[in-house]
Amino acid sequence: VDTVHDCSDGGLAVALAEMAMAGGIGLTMPACPLDLPCHAYLFGEDQGRYVVAVDPDAAPDLLYSASSKSIPV
């Protein structure tokens, strides 16, 4: 894991923007899920949601590890 940012202050959109600005890079925002209002998905301030940045080669291992422990990703 390279970087972790919580979504407790401003939600996912703010966390991603802060990470992109700190890293001097851009980002592509994920699409809003169909079963949740877009504003809730992007700006919901959840203390249990985190954005994790990893090397692309490490992503499959992280996703497998999380799903094997029933952690939604």
PDB file of N, CA and C in Angstrom:
ATOM      1  N   VAL A   1       0.853  -1.176   0.000  1.00  0.00           N
ATOM      2  CA  VAL A   1       0.000   0.000   0.000  1.00  0.00           C
ATOM      3  C   VAL A   1       0.895   1.233   0.000  1.00  0.00           C
ATOM      4  N   ASP A   2       0.651   2.121  -0.961  1.00  0.00           N
ATOM      5  CA  ASP A   2       1.431   3.353  -1.060  1.00  0.00           C
ATOM      6  C   ASP A   2       0.826   4.473  -0.227  1.00  0.00           C
ATOM      7  N   THR A   3      -0.489   4.616  -0.292  1.00  0.00           N
ATOM      8  CA  THR A   3      -1.183   5.719   0.371  1.00  0.00           C
ATOM      9  C   THR A   3      -2.569   5.269   0.800  1.00  0.00           C
ATOM     10  N   VAL A   4      -3.026   5.796   1.935  1.00  0.00           N
ATOM     11  CA  VAL A   4      -4.387   5.553   2.413  1.00  0.00           C
ATOM     12  C   VAL A   4      -4.977   6.890   2.842  1.00  0.00           C
ATOM     13  N   HIS A   5      -6.243   7.114   2.482  1.00  0.00           N
ATOM     14  CA  HIS A   5      -6.922   8.356   2.877  1.00  0.00           C
ATOM     15  C   HIS A   5      -8.339   7.997   3.300  1.00  0.00           C
ATOM     16  N   ASP A   6      -8.782   8.528   4.426  1.00  0.00           N
ATOM     17  CA  ASP A   6     -10.151   8.259   4.873  1.00  0.00           C
ATOM     18  C   ASP A   6     -11.131   9.156   4.119  1.00  0.00           C
ATOM     19  N   CYS A   7     -12.393   8.772   4.150  1.00  0.00           N
ATOM     20  CA  CYS A   7     -13.455   9.524   3.475  1.00  0.00           C
ATOM     21  C   CYS A   7     -14.360  10.230   4.481  1.00  0.00           C
ATOM     22  N   SER A   8     -13.830  10.536   5.662  1.00  0.00           N
ATOM     23  CA  SER A   8     -14.670  11.073   6.730  1.00  0.00           C
ATOM     24  C   SER A   8     -14.894  12.577   6.628  1.00  0.00           C
ATOM     25  N   ASP A   9     -14.138  13.281   5.806  1.00  0.00           N
ATOM     26  CA  ASP A   9     -14.296  14.731   5.711  1.00  0.00           C
ATOM     27  C   ASP A   9     -14.455  15.134   4.252  1.00  0.00           C
ATOM     28  N   GLY A  10     -15.687  15.097   3.766  1.00  0.00           N
ATOM     29  CA  GLY A  10     -15.963  15.475   2.390  1.00  0.00           C
ATOM     30  C   GLY A  10     -16.269  14.308   1.472  1.00  0.00           C
ATOM     31  N   GLY A  11     -16.077  13.100   1.956  1.00  0.00           N
ATOM     32  CA  GLY A  11     -16.432  11.929   1.178  1.00  0.00           C
ATOM     33  C   GLY A  11     -15.366  11.496   0.188  1.00  0.00           C
ATOM     34  N   LEU A  12     -15.765  10.588  -0.677  1.00  0.00           N
ATOM     35  CA  LEU A  12     -14.863   9.992  -1.651  1.00  0.00           C
ATOM     36  C   LEU A  12     -14.286  11.032  -2.609  1.00  0.00           C
ATOM     37  N   ALA A  13     -15.124  11.924  -3.122  1.00  0.00           N
ATOM     38  CA  ALA A  13     -14.648  12.918  -4.091  1.00  0.00           C
ATOM     39  C   ALA A  13     -13.557  13.794  -3.504  1.00  0.00           C
ATOM     40  N   VAL A  14     -13.726  14.241  -2.274  1.00  0.00           N
ATOM     41  CA  VAL A  14     -12.729  15.096  -1.630  1.00  0.00           C
ATOM     42  C   VAL A  14     -11.458  14.302  -1.332  1.00  0.00           C
ATOM     43  N   ALA A  15     -11.596  13.075  -0.865  1.00  0.00           N
ATOM     44  CA  ALA A  15     -10.422  12.245  -0.583  1.00  0.00           C
ATOM     45  C   ALA A  15      -9.601  12.018  -1.851  1.00  0.00           C
ATOM     46  N   LEU A  16     -10.271  11.698  -2.955  1.00  0.00           N
ATOM     47  CA  LEU A  16      -9.552  11.485  -4.210  1.00  0.00           C
ATOM     48  C   LEU A  16      -8.889  12.766  -4.703  1.00  0.00           C
ATOM     49  N   ALA A  17      -9.588  13.889  -4.594  1.00  0.00           N
ATOM     50  CA  ALA A  17      -9.005  15.168  -5.016  1.00  0.00           C
ATOM     51  C   ALA A  17      -7.779  15.518  -4.173  1.00  0.00           C
ATOM     52  N   GLU A  18      -7.875  15.328  -2.870  1.00  0.00           N
ATOM     53  CA  GLU A  18      -6.738  15.624  -1.997  1.00  0.00           C
ATOM     54  C   GLU A  18      -5.554  14.723  -2.306  1.00  0.00           C
ATOM     55  N   MET A  19      -5.815  13.453  -2.561  1.00  0.00           N
ATOM     56  CA  MET A  19      -4.727  12.534  -2.897  1.00  0.00           C
ATOM     57  C   MET A  19      -4.078  12.919  -4.228  1.00  0.00           C
ATOM     58  N   ALA A  20      -4.881  13.279  -5.204  1.00  0.00           N
ATOM     59  CA  ALA A  20      -4.346  13.663  -6.513  1.00  0.00           C
ATOM     60  C   ALA A  20      -3.501  14.940  -6.406  1.00  0.00           C
ATOM     61  N   MET A  21      -3.991  15.908  -5.649  1.00  0.00           N
ATOM     62  CA  MET A  21      -3.233  17.159  -5.494  1.00  0.00           C
ATOM     63  C   MET A  21      -1.930  16.916  -4.744  1.00  0.00           C
ATOM     64  N   ALA A  22      -1.967  16.113  -3.693  1.00  0.00           N
ATOM     65  CA  ALA A  22      -0.759  15.836  -2.910  1.00  0.00           C
ATOM     66  C   ALA A  22       0.272  15.080  -3.742  1.00  0.00           C
ATOM     67  N   GLY A  23      -0.203  14.209  -4.618  1.00  0.00           N
ATOM     68  CA  GLY A  23       0.706  13.424  -5.440  1.00  0.00           C
ATOM     69  C   GLY A  23       1.093  14.096  -6.744  1.00  0.00           C
ATOM     70  N   GLY A  24       0.465  15.224  -7.054  1.00  0.00           N
ATOM     71  CA  GLY A  24       0.760  15.920  -8.297  1.00  0.00           C
ATOM     72  C   GLY A  24       0.340  15.127  -9.525  1.00  0.00           C
ATOM     73  N   ILE A  25      -0.758  14.370  -9.394  1.00  0.00           N
ATOM     74  CA  ILE A  25      -1.241  13.548 -10.503  1.00  0.00           C
ATOM     75  C   ILE A  25      -2.728  13.801 -10.721  1.00  0.00           C
ATOM     76  N   GLY A  26      -3.248  13.284 -11.793  1.00  0.00           N
ATOM     77  CA  GLY A  26      -4.681  13.359 -12.052  1.00  0.00           C
ATOM     78  C   GLY A  26      -5.360  12.084 -11.620  1.00  0.00           C
ATOM     79  N   LEU A  27      -6.643  11.995 -11.889  1.00  0.00           N
ATOM     80  CA  LEU A  27      -7.379  10.789 -11.548  1.00  0.00           C
ATOM     81  C   LEU A  27      -8.599  10.669 -12.424  1.00  0.00           C
ATOM     82  N   THR A  28      -9.117   9.484 -12.480  1.00  0.00           N
ATOM     83  CA  THR A  28     -10.381   9.221 -13.140  1.00  0.00           C
ATOM     84  C   THR A  28     -11.357   8.819 -12.056  1.00  0.00           C
ATOM     85  N   MET A  29     -12.444   9.561 -11.937  1.00  0.00           N
ATOM     86  CA  MET A  29     -13.435   9.269 -10.902  1.00  0.00           C
ATOM     87  C   MET A  29     -14.209   8.006 -11.258  1.00  0.00           C
ATOM     88  N   PRO A  30     -14.479   7.168 -10.265  1.00  0.00           N
ATOM     89  CA  PRO A  30     -15.299   5.985 -10.525  1.00  0.00           C
ATOM     90  C   PRO A  30     -16.751   6.393 -10.797  1.00  0.00           C
ATOM     91  N   ALA A  31     -17.432   5.580 -11.553  1.00  0.00           N
ATOM     92  CA  ALA A  31     -18.846   5.845 -11.823  1.00  0.00           C
ATOM     93  C   ALA A  31     -19.654   5.618 -10.551  1.00  0.00           C
ATOM     94  N   CYS A  32     -20.708   6.386 -10.408  1.00  0.00           N
ATOM     95  CA  CYS A  32     -21.601   6.213  -9.258  1.00  0.00           C
ATOM     96  C   CYS A  32     -22.375   4.910  -9.426  1.00  0.00           C
ATOM     97  N   PRO A  33     -22.553   4.158  -8.337  1.00  0.00           N
ATOM     98  CA  PRO A  33     -23.354   2.935  -8.438  1.00  0.00           C
ATOM     99  C   PRO A  33     -24.824   3.277  -8.691  1.00  0.00           C
ATOM    100  N   LEU A  34     -25.519   2.379  -9.325  1.00  0.00           N
ATOM    101  CA  LEU A  34     -26.918   2.628  -9.677  1.00  0.00           C
ATOM    102  C   LEU A  34     -27.858   2.526  -8.484  1.00  0.00           C
ATOM    103  N   ASP A  35     -27.447   1.820  -7.424  1.00  0.00           N
ATOM    104  CA  ASP A  35     -28.333   1.598  -6.285  1.00  0.00           C
ATOM    105  C   ASP A  35     -28.160   2.631  -5.171  1.00  0.00           C
ATOM    106  N   LEU A  36     -27.431   3.715  -5.443  1.00  0.00           N
ATOM    107  CA  LEU A  36     -27.168   4.737  -4.435  1.00  0.00           C
ATOM    108  C   LEU A  36     -27.184   6.101  -5.107  1.00  0.00           C
ATOM    109  N   PRO A  37     -27.771   7.127  -4.483  1.00  0.00           N
ATOM    110  CA  PRO A  37     -27.712   8.460  -5.083  1.00  0.00           C
ATOM    111  C   PRO A  37     -26.255   8.892  -5.265  1.00  0.00           C
ATOM    112  N   CYS A  38     -25.958   9.487  -6.401  1.00  0.00           N
ATOM    113  CA  CYS A  38     -24.576   9.858  -6.725  1.00  0.00           C
ATOM    114  C   CYS A  38     -23.976  10.789  -5.666  1.00  0.00           C
ATOM    115  N   HIS A  39     -24.768  11.749  -5.165  1.00  0.00           N
ATOM    116  CA  HIS A  39     -24.227  12.673  -4.164  1.00  0.00           C
ATOM    117  C   HIS A  39     -23.855  11.943  -2.869  1.00  0.00           C
ATOM    118  N   ALA A  40     -24.599  10.908  -2.522  1.00  0.00           N
ATOM    119  CA  ALA A  40     -24.282  10.136  -1.315  1.00  0.00           C
ATOM    120  C   ALA A  40     -22.997   9.341  -1.514  1.00  0.00           C
ATOM    121  N   TYR A  41     -22.832   8.764  -2.699  1.00  0.00           N
ATOM    122  CA  TYR A  41     -21.632   7.980  -3.007  1.00  0.00           C
ATOM    123  C   TYR A  41     -20.382   8.864  -3.012  1.00  0.00           C
ATOM    124  N   LEU A  42     -20.473  10.021  -3.639  1.00  0.00           N
ATOM    125  CA  LEU A  42     -19.293  10.882  -3.787  1.00  0.00           C
ATOM    126  C   LEU A  42     -18.988  11.712  -2.550  1.00  0.00           C
ATOM    127  N   PHE A  43     -20.004  12.179  -1.829  1.00  0.00           N
ATOM    128  CA  PHE A  43     -19.772  13.115  -0.735  1.00  0.00           C
ATOM    129  C   PHE A  43     -20.191  12.605   0.643  1.00  0.00           C
ATOM    130  N   GLY A  44     -20.644  11.342   0.727  1.00  0.00           N
ATOM    131  CA  GLY A  44     -21.007  10.769   2.021  1.00  0.00           C
ATOM    132  C   GLY A  44     -19.781  10.671   2.922  1.00  0.00           C
ATOM    133  N   GLU A  45     -19.874  11.235   4.108  1.00  0.00           N
ATOM    134  CA  GLU A  45     -18.747  11.256   5.046  1.00  0.00           C
ATOM    135  C   GLU A  45     -18.817  10.038   5.945  1.00  0.00           C
ATOM    136  N   ASP A  46     -18.130   9.011   5.534  1.00  0.00           N
ATOM    137  CA  ASP A  46     -18.120   7.731   6.227  1.00  0.00           C
ATOM    138  C   ASP A  46     -16.789   7.525   6.925  1.00  0.00           C
ATOM    139  N   GLN A  47     -16.818   7.145   8.185  1.00  0.00           N
ATOM    140  CA  GLN A  47     -15.572   6.870   8.880  1.00  0.00           C
ATOM    141  C   GLN A  47     -15.054   5.475   8.554  1.00  0.00           C
ATOM    142  N   GLY A  48     -15.847   4.678   7.890  1.00  0.00           N
ATOM    143  CA  GLY A  48     -15.441   3.316   7.571  1.00  0.00           C
ATOM    144  C   GLY A  48     -15.023   3.120   6.123  1.00  0.00           C
ATOM    145  N   ARG A  49     -14.903   4.218   5.347  1.00  0.00           N
ATOM    146  CA  ARG A  49     -14.483   4.114   3.940  1.00  0.00           C
ATOM    147  C   ARG A  49     -13.104   4.729   3.784  1.00  0.00           C
ATOM    148  N   TYR A  50     -12.274   4.035   3.018  1.00  0.00           N
ATOM    149  CA  TYR A  50     -10.911   4.502   2.783  1.00  0.00           C
ATOM    150  C   TYR A  50     -10.567   4.346   1.315  1.00  0.00           C
ATOM    151  N   VAL A  51      -9.714   5.230   0.830  1.00  0.00           N
ATOM    152  CA  VAL A  51      -9.144   5.108  -0.501  1.00  0.00           C
ATOM    153  C   VAL A  51      -7.726   4.594  -0.309  1.00  0.00           C
ATOM    154  N   VAL A  52      -7.395   3.527  -1.004  1.00  0.00           N
ATOM    155  CA  VAL A  52      -6.076   2.913  -0.896  1.00  0.00           C
ATOM    156  C   VAL A  52      -5.411   2.978  -2.260  1.00  0.00           C
ATOM    157  N   ALA A  53      -4.194   3.494  -2.306  1.00  0.00           N
ATOM    158  CA  ALA A  53      -3.419   3.538  -3.552  1.00  0.00           C
ATOM    159  C   ALA A  53      -2.328   2.477  -3.483  1.00  0.00           C
ATOM    160  N   VAL A  54      -2.277   1.661  -4.510  1.00  0.00           N
ATOM    161  CA  VAL A  54      -1.262   0.607  -4.586  1.00  0.00           C
ATOM    162  C   VAL A  54      -0.662   0.590  -5.992  1.00  0.00           C
ATOM    163  N   ASP A  55       0.485  -0.033  -6.111  1.00  0.00           N
ATOM    164  CA  ASP A  55       1.079  -0.280  -7.414  1.00  0.00           C
ATOM    165  C   ASP A  55       0.106  -1.158  -8.206  1.00  0.00           C
ATOM    166  N   PRO A  56      -0.091  -0.884  -9.484  1.00  0.00           N
ATOM    167  CA  PRO A  56      -1.045  -1.685 -10.267  1.00  0.00           C
ATOM    168  C   PRO A  56      -0.775  -3.190 -10.213  1.00  0.00           C
ATOM    169  N   ASP A  57       0.491  -3.568 -10.097  1.00  0.00           N
ATOM    170  CA  ASP A  57       0.816  -4.995 -10.028  1.00  0.00           C
ATOM    171  C   ASP A  57       0.357  -5.620  -8.711  1.00  0.00           C
ATOM    172  N   ALA A  58       0.218  -4.808  -7.659  1.00  0.00           N
ATOM    173  CA  ALA A  58      -0.197  -5.316  -6.351  1.00  0.00           C
ATOM    174  C   ALA A  58      -1.713  -5.332  -6.180  1.00  0.00           C
ATOM    175  N   ALA A  59      -2.444  -4.658  -7.063  1.00  0.00           N
ATOM    176  CA  ALA A  59      -3.894  -4.538  -6.923  1.00  0.00           C
ATOM    177  C   ALA A  59      -4.616  -5.882  -6.875  1.00  0.00           C
ATOM    178  N   PRO A  60      -4.308  -6.841  -7.760  1.00  0.00           N
ATOM    179  CA  PRO A  60      -5.030  -8.126  -7.686  1.00  0.00           C
ATOM    180  C   PRO A  60      -4.860  -8.821  -6.335  1.00  0.00           C
ATOM    181  N   ASP A  61      -3.656  -8.778  -5.777  1.00  0.00           N
ATOM    182  CA  ASP A  61      -3.430  -9.409  -4.475  1.00  0.00           C
ATOM    183  C   ASP A  61      -4.225  -8.715  -3.376  1.00  0.00           C
ATOM    184  N   LEU A  62      -4.267  -7.390  -3.411  1.00  0.00           N
ATOM    185  CA  LEU A  62      -5.025  -6.631  -2.413  1.00  0.00           C
ATOM    186  C   LEU A  62      -6.518  -6.942  -2.528  1.00  0.00           C
ATOM    187  N   LEU A  63      -7.033  -6.942  -3.755  1.00  0.00           N
ATOM    188  CA  LEU A  63      -8.444  -7.232  -3.967  1.00  0.00           C
ATOM    189  C   LEU A  63      -8.794  -8.648  -3.511  1.00  0.00           C
ATOM    190  N   TYR A  64      -7.942  -9.612  -3.812  1.00  0.00           N
ATOM    191  CA  TYR A  64      -8.179 -10.994  -3.385  1.00  0.00           C
ATOM    192  C   TYR A  64      -8.152 -11.102  -1.856  1.00  0.00           C
ATOM    193  N   SER A  65      -7.152 -10.477  -1.258  1.00  0.00           N
ATOM    194  CA  SER A  65      -7.024 -10.547   0.208  1.00  0.00           C
ATOM    195  C   SER A  65      -8.244  -9.938   0.900  1.00  0.00           C
ATOM    196  N   ALA A  66      -8.682  -8.786   0.413  1.00  0.00           N
ATOM    197  CA  ALA A  66      -9.851  -8.134   1.009  1.00  0.00           C
ATOM    198  C   ALA A  66     -11.101  -8.988   0.832  1.00  0.00           C
ATOM    199  N   SER A  67     -11.324  -9.479  -0.377  1.00  0.00           N
ATOM    200  CA  SER A  67     -12.540 -10.254  -0.614  1.00  0.00           C
ATOM    201  C   SER A  67     -12.535 -11.567   0.159  1.00  0.00           C
ATOM    202  N   SER A  68     -11.360 -12.150   0.372  1.00  0.00           N
ATOM    203  CA  SER A  68     -11.304 -13.404   1.135  1.00  0.00           C
ATOM    204  C   SER A  68     -11.620 -13.193   2.601  1.00  0.00           C
ATOM    205  N   LYS A  69     -11.538 -11.932   3.062  1.00  0.00           N
ATOM    206  CA  LYS A  69     -11.869 -11.588   4.443  1.00  0.00           C
ATOM    207  C   LYS A  69     -13.215 -10.866   4.536  1.00  0.00           C
ATOM    208  N   SER A  70     -13.986 -10.921   3.453  1.00  0.00           N
ATOM    209  CA  SER A  70     -15.316 -10.294   3.352  1.00  0.00           C
ATOM    210  C   SER A  70     -15.266  -8.785   3.560  1.00  0.00           C
ATOM    211  N   ILE A  71     -14.178  -8.155   3.129  1.00  0.00           N
ATOM    212  CA  ILE A  71     -14.065  -6.700   3.179  1.00  0.00           C
ATOM    213  C   ILE A  71     -14.468  -6.178   1.809  1.00  0.00           C
ATOM    214  N   PRO A  72     -15.529  -5.372   1.736  1.00  0.00           N
ATOM    215  CA  PRO A  72     -15.969  -4.871   0.424  1.00  0.00           C
ATOM    216  C   PRO A  72     -14.947  -3.900  -0.164  1.00  0.00           C
ATOM    217  N   VAL A  73     -14.637  -4.090  -1.421  1.00  0.00           N
ATOM    218  CA  VAL A  73     -13.702  -3.212  -2.133  1.00  0.00           C
ATOM    219  C   VAL A  73     -14.259  -2.844  -3.484  1.00  0.00           C
TER     220      VAL A  73
END
